[in-house]
C-alpha cells in the first residue's frame, strides 16, 4: 500500500558553503493541509507562507486537483485554512506563484 505524507521539513542552509545542509522536521499546529503534490508554497515577507492548489491522490491511481488555500504563520508554525470569497480560480497543479 502506498503512503503519502503531509509533514513539513526545513532545510538549514547555514553550512551550505561546506556542502552541508541540515534537515529537520517542523512541528506545526492548527488545521494542516492534507498530503498534496503539485501545490505552490509562497513565502510572503517571511511572516507567513501561502499554500495554494495542488492535488491529492485517490485510490486507483487517480488524483483530484483543488483550490484549497492555507497559510502557515512562520513565527508560530500555525496552519490556517482560508475561506475564499468571490469566484474561485480553477483548480490547478504544477503551477507557479509569486509574492508581489
N, C-alpha and C. Protein backbone atom coordinates (compact mmCIF):
# COMPACT_ATOMS: atom_id res chain seq x y z
N UNK A 1 0.85 -1.19 0.00
CA UNK A 1 0.00 0.00 0.00
C UNK A 1 0.89 1.24 0.00
N UNK A 2 0.54 2.20 -0.84
CA UNK A 2 1.29 3.45 -0.89
C UNK A 2 0.89 4.34 0.27
N UNK A 3 1.83 5.13 0.72
CA UNK A 3 1.57 6.05 1.81
C UNK A 3 2.02 7.44 1.39
N UNK A 4 1.21 8.43 1.68
CA UNK A 4 1.53 9.82 1.34
C UNK A 4 1.68 10.61 2.63
N UNK A 5 2.54 11.59 2.59
CA UNK A 5 2.89 12.32 3.80
C UNK A 5 2.45 13.77 3.72
N UNK A 6 2.07 14.31 4.86
CA UNK A 6 1.68 15.72 4.95
C UNK A 6 2.59 16.45 5.93
N UNK A 7 3.83 15.96 6.06
CA UNK A 7 4.75 16.59 7.01
C UNK A 7 5.50 17.74 6.34
N UNK A 8 6.16 18.55 7.16
CA UNK A 8 6.88 19.73 6.69
C UNK A 8 8.31 19.65 7.20
N UNK A 9 9.27 19.92 6.31
CA UNK A 9 10.69 19.85 6.66
C UNK A 9 11.36 21.18 6.35
N UNK A 10 12.32 21.56 7.18
CA UNK A 10 13.10 22.79 6.98
C UNK A 10 14.54 22.39 6.65
N UNK A 11 15.08 23.04 5.63
CA UNK A 11 16.49 22.86 5.28
C UNK A 11 17.26 24.04 5.86
N UNK A 12 18.22 23.75 6.72
CA UNK A 12 19.05 24.79 7.33
C UNK A 12 20.28 24.98 6.45
N UNK A 13 20.40 26.14 5.84
CA UNK A 13 21.44 26.39 4.85
C UNK A 13 22.70 27.01 5.44
N UNK A 14 22.85 27.09 6.75
CA UNK A 14 23.96 27.79 7.38
C UNK A 14 25.32 27.28 6.92
N UNK A 15 25.43 25.98 6.60
CA UNK A 15 26.72 25.43 6.19
C UNK A 15 26.72 24.99 4.73
N UNK A 16 25.86 25.61 3.93
CA UNK A 16 25.77 25.23 2.52
C UNK A 16 27.09 25.43 1.79
N UNK A 17 27.88 26.43 2.20
CA UNK A 17 29.18 26.65 1.55
C UNK A 17 30.13 25.49 1.79
N UNK A 18 29.86 24.68 2.80
CA UNK A 18 30.67 23.48 3.10
C UNK A 18 30.01 22.22 2.52
N UNK A 19 29.02 22.41 1.63
CA UNK A 19 28.27 21.30 1.05
C UNK A 19 27.54 20.49 2.11
N UNK A 20 27.07 21.16 3.15
CA UNK A 20 26.29 20.53 4.21
C UNK A 20 25.00 21.31 4.41
N UNK A 21 23.91 20.59 4.40
CA UNK A 21 22.60 21.20 4.65
C UNK A 21 21.90 20.31 5.67
N UNK A 22 21.51 20.90 6.78
CA UNK A 22 20.83 20.14 7.83
C UNK A 22 19.32 20.13 7.55
N UNK A 23 18.69 19.00 7.77
CA UNK A 23 17.24 18.86 7.62
C UNK A 23 16.63 18.62 8.98
N UNK A 24 15.48 19.23 9.21
CA UNK A 24 14.75 18.92 10.43
C UNK A 24 13.26 19.03 10.18
N UNK A 25 12.54 18.13 10.82
CA UNK A 25 11.09 18.12 10.69
C UNK A 25 10.53 19.25 11.54
N UNK A 26 9.56 19.97 10.98
CA UNK A 26 8.95 21.11 11.66
C UNK A 26 7.62 20.66 12.26
N UNK A 27 7.43 20.95 13.54
CA UNK A 27 6.16 20.63 14.19
C UNK A 27 5.24 21.82 14.04
N UNK A 28 4.07 21.56 13.48
CA UNK A 28 3.09 22.62 13.26
C UNK A 28 1.81 22.31 14.02
N UNK A 29 1.04 23.35 14.27
CA UNK A 29 -0.27 23.19 14.91
C UNK A 29 -1.32 23.78 13.98
N UNK A 30 -2.55 23.77 14.42
CA UNK A 30 -3.64 24.35 13.65
C UNK A 30 -4.33 23.33 12.78
N UNK A 31 -4.82 23.78 11.63
CA UNK A 31 -5.55 22.94 10.68
C UNK A 31 -4.66 22.67 9.47
N UNK A 32 -3.82 21.65 9.53
CA UNK A 32 -2.87 21.42 8.44
C UNK A 32 -3.55 20.92 7.17
N UNK A 33 -2.95 21.20 6.03
CA UNK A 33 -3.49 20.69 4.78
C UNK A 33 -3.28 19.18 4.68
N UNK A 34 -4.07 18.51 3.85
CA UNK A 34 -3.83 17.09 3.63
C UNK A 34 -2.57 16.90 2.79
N UNK A 35 -2.11 15.67 2.69
CA UNK A 35 -0.96 15.37 1.83
C UNK A 35 -1.32 15.76 0.40
N UNK A 36 -0.44 16.52 -0.27
CA UNK A 36 -0.70 17.00 -1.63
C UNK A 36 0.57 16.92 -2.46
N UNK A 37 0.39 17.08 -3.76
CA UNK A 37 1.52 17.23 -4.66
C UNK A 37 1.18 18.32 -5.67
N UNK A 38 2.20 18.95 -6.23
CA UNK A 38 1.98 19.94 -7.27
C UNK A 38 1.38 21.25 -6.81
N UNK A 39 1.39 21.54 -5.51
CA UNK A 39 0.86 22.80 -4.98
C UNK A 39 1.97 23.85 -5.00
N UNK A 40 1.60 25.11 -4.86
CA UNK A 40 2.61 26.16 -4.70
C UNK A 40 2.65 26.57 -3.23
N UNK A 41 3.86 26.83 -2.74
CA UNK A 41 4.06 27.34 -1.38
C UNK A 41 4.89 28.60 -1.51
N UNK A 42 4.29 29.75 -1.19
CA UNK A 42 4.91 31.06 -1.44
C UNK A 42 5.23 31.74 -0.12
N UNK A 43 6.49 32.14 0.06
CA UNK A 43 6.91 32.90 1.24
C UNK A 43 6.43 34.34 1.07
N UNK A 44 5.67 34.83 2.03
CA UNK A 44 5.14 36.19 1.99
C UNK A 44 5.80 37.02 3.08
N UNK A 45 6.88 37.68 2.70
CA UNK A 45 7.60 38.62 3.58
C UNK A 45 8.13 37.98 4.86
N UNK A 46 8.45 36.71 4.83
CA UNK A 46 8.97 35.97 5.99
C UNK A 46 8.02 36.00 7.19
N UNK A 47 6.75 36.35 6.95
CA UNK A 47 5.75 36.34 8.02
C UNK A 47 4.87 35.11 7.94
N UNK A 48 4.48 34.75 6.71
CA UNK A 48 3.66 33.56 6.53
C UNK A 48 3.93 32.99 5.14
N UNK A 49 3.56 31.74 4.97
CA UNK A 49 3.66 31.08 3.68
C UNK A 49 2.24 30.75 3.23
N UNK A 50 2.00 30.86 1.94
CA UNK A 50 0.68 30.60 1.37
C UNK A 50 0.76 29.34 0.51
N UNK A 51 -0.04 28.34 0.86
CA UNK A 51 -0.12 27.08 0.12
C UNK A 51 -1.39 27.12 -0.71
N UNK A 52 -1.26 26.92 -2.03
CA UNK A 52 -2.42 27.00 -2.90
C UNK A 52 -2.46 25.83 -3.87
N UNK A 53 -3.67 25.30 -4.06
CA UNK A 53 -3.91 24.30 -5.09
C UNK A 53 -3.20 22.99 -4.85
N UNK A 54 -2.85 22.35 -5.96
CA UNK A 54 -2.22 21.05 -5.90
C UNK A 54 -3.25 19.95 -6.06
N UNK A 55 -2.81 18.75 -5.83
CA UNK A 55 -3.69 17.60 -5.99
C UNK A 55 -3.52 16.60 -4.87
N UNK A 56 -4.50 15.75 -4.74
CA UNK A 56 -4.46 14.67 -3.76
C UNK A 56 -4.70 13.37 -4.50
N UNK A 57 -3.87 12.38 -4.21
CA UNK A 57 -4.03 11.07 -4.83
C UNK A 57 -5.26 10.39 -4.28
N UNK A 58 -5.98 9.73 -5.16
CA UNK A 58 -7.15 8.93 -4.79
C UNK A 58 -6.86 7.48 -5.14
N UNK A 59 -7.62 6.57 -4.61
CA UNK A 59 -7.44 5.15 -4.91
C UNK A 59 -7.59 4.89 -6.41
N UNK A 60 -6.86 3.90 -6.89
CA UNK A 60 -6.95 3.54 -8.29
C UNK A 60 -6.03 4.37 -9.18
N UNK A 61 -5.06 5.09 -8.59
CA UNK A 61 -4.12 5.87 -9.38
C UNK A 61 -4.66 7.19 -9.90
N UNK A 62 -5.81 7.61 -9.41
CA UNK A 62 -6.40 8.87 -9.85
C UNK A 62 -6.03 9.97 -8.85
N UNK A 63 -6.22 11.20 -9.27
CA UNK A 63 -5.96 12.32 -8.37
C UNK A 63 -7.05 13.37 -8.56
N UNK A 64 -7.14 14.25 -7.59
CA UNK A 64 -8.15 15.29 -7.61
C UNK A 64 -7.48 16.64 -7.36
N UNK A 65 -7.44 17.54 -8.37
CA UNK A 65 -6.89 18.88 -8.14
C UNK A 65 -7.87 19.73 -7.33
N UNK A 66 -7.34 20.73 -6.64
CA UNK A 66 -8.23 21.58 -5.84
C UNK A 66 -7.73 23.02 -5.80
N UNK A 67 -8.50 23.87 -5.16
CA UNK A 67 -8.12 25.26 -4.94
C UNK A 67 -8.00 25.55 -3.44
N UNK A 68 -7.84 24.51 -2.65
CA UNK A 68 -7.69 24.72 -1.20
C UNK A 68 -6.52 25.66 -0.94
N UNK A 69 -6.71 26.57 0.00
CA UNK A 69 -5.71 27.59 0.30
C UNK A 69 -5.47 27.64 1.80
N UNK A 70 -4.21 27.57 2.19
CA UNK A 70 -3.82 27.57 3.60
C UNK A 70 -2.71 28.59 3.81
N UNK A 71 -2.64 29.13 5.01
CA UNK A 71 -1.47 29.93 5.39
C UNK A 71 -0.75 29.20 6.53
N UNK A 72 0.54 29.41 6.57
CA UNK A 72 1.37 28.91 7.66
C UNK A 72 2.06 30.11 8.29
N UNK A 73 1.68 30.46 9.51
CA UNK A 73 2.33 31.54 10.26
C UNK A 73 3.75 31.05 10.56
N UNK A 74 4.76 31.75 10.05
CA UNK A 74 6.14 31.27 10.16
C UNK A 74 6.76 31.52 11.53
N UNK A 75 6.13 32.32 12.36
CA UNK A 75 6.63 32.52 13.73
C UNK A 75 6.04 31.46 14.66
N UNK A 76 4.75 31.23 14.57
CA UNK A 76 4.07 30.27 15.44
C UNK A 76 3.99 28.87 14.84
N UNK A 77 4.30 28.74 13.54
CA UNK A 77 4.17 27.47 12.80
C UNK A 77 2.74 26.95 12.95
N UNK A 78 1.78 27.81 12.65
CA UNK A 78 0.35 27.54 12.79
C UNK A 78 -0.31 27.55 11.42
N UNK A 79 -0.92 26.41 11.04
CA UNK A 79 -1.65 26.31 9.78
C UNK A 79 -3.08 26.82 9.96
N UNK A 80 -3.58 27.56 8.95
CA UNK A 80 -4.96 28.03 8.92
C UNK A 80 -5.50 27.83 7.51
N UNK A 81 -6.66 27.21 7.40
CA UNK A 81 -7.30 27.09 6.09
C UNK A 81 -8.09 28.36 5.83
N UNK A 82 -7.89 28.95 4.66
CA UNK A 82 -8.58 30.17 4.30
C UNK A 82 -9.87 29.86 3.56
N UNK A 83 -10.86 30.72 3.76
CA UNK A 83 -12.12 30.63 3.03
C UNK A 83 -12.05 31.65 1.90
N UNK A 84 -12.13 31.19 0.66
CA UNK A 84 -12.07 32.09 -0.47
C UNK A 84 -13.45 32.69 -0.71
N UNK A 85 -13.51 33.99 -0.98
CA UNK A 85 -14.78 34.64 -1.31
C UNK A 85 -14.71 35.09 -2.77
N UNK A 86 -15.86 35.27 -3.37
CA UNK A 86 -15.89 35.63 -4.78
C UNK A 86 -15.68 34.39 -5.64
N UNK A 87 -15.60 34.59 -6.93
CA UNK A 87 -15.41 33.44 -7.81
C UNK A 87 -14.00 32.85 -7.62
N UNK A 88 -13.91 31.56 -7.30
CA UNK A 88 -12.59 30.97 -7.07
C UNK A 88 -11.86 30.71 -8.39
N UNK A 89 -10.54 30.68 -8.34
CA UNK A 89 -9.80 30.27 -9.54
C UNK A 89 -10.07 28.80 -9.83
N UNK A 90 -9.79 28.38 -11.05
CA UNK A 90 -9.96 26.97 -11.39
C UNK A 90 -8.90 26.15 -10.67
N UNK A 91 -9.21 24.89 -10.31
CA UNK A 91 -8.21 24.03 -9.68
C UNK A 91 -6.97 23.92 -10.55
N UNK A 92 -5.81 23.88 -9.92
CA UNK A 92 -4.57 23.79 -10.69
C UNK A 92 -3.47 23.07 -9.91
N UNK A 93 -2.57 22.49 -10.68
CA UNK A 93 -1.40 21.79 -10.13
C UNK A 93 -0.19 22.14 -11.00
N UNK A 94 0.98 21.92 -10.44
CA UNK A 94 2.24 22.16 -11.17
C UNK A 94 2.31 23.60 -11.69
N UNK A 95 1.84 24.53 -10.89
CA UNK A 95 1.83 25.94 -11.28
C UNK A 95 2.89 26.69 -10.48
N UNK A 96 3.07 27.93 -10.78
CA UNK A 96 3.99 28.80 -10.04
C UNK A 96 3.21 29.92 -9.37
N UNK A 97 3.77 30.45 -8.30
CA UNK A 97 3.16 31.59 -7.63
C UNK A 97 4.29 32.49 -7.14
N UNK A 98 4.00 33.78 -7.04
CA UNK A 98 5.00 34.74 -6.57
C UNK A 98 4.30 35.77 -5.69
N UNK A 99 5.02 36.26 -4.70
CA UNK A 99 4.52 37.30 -3.81
C UNK A 99 4.87 38.65 -4.44
N UNK A 100 3.85 39.42 -4.82
CA UNK A 100 4.08 40.74 -5.45
C UNK A 100 3.94 41.86 -4.46
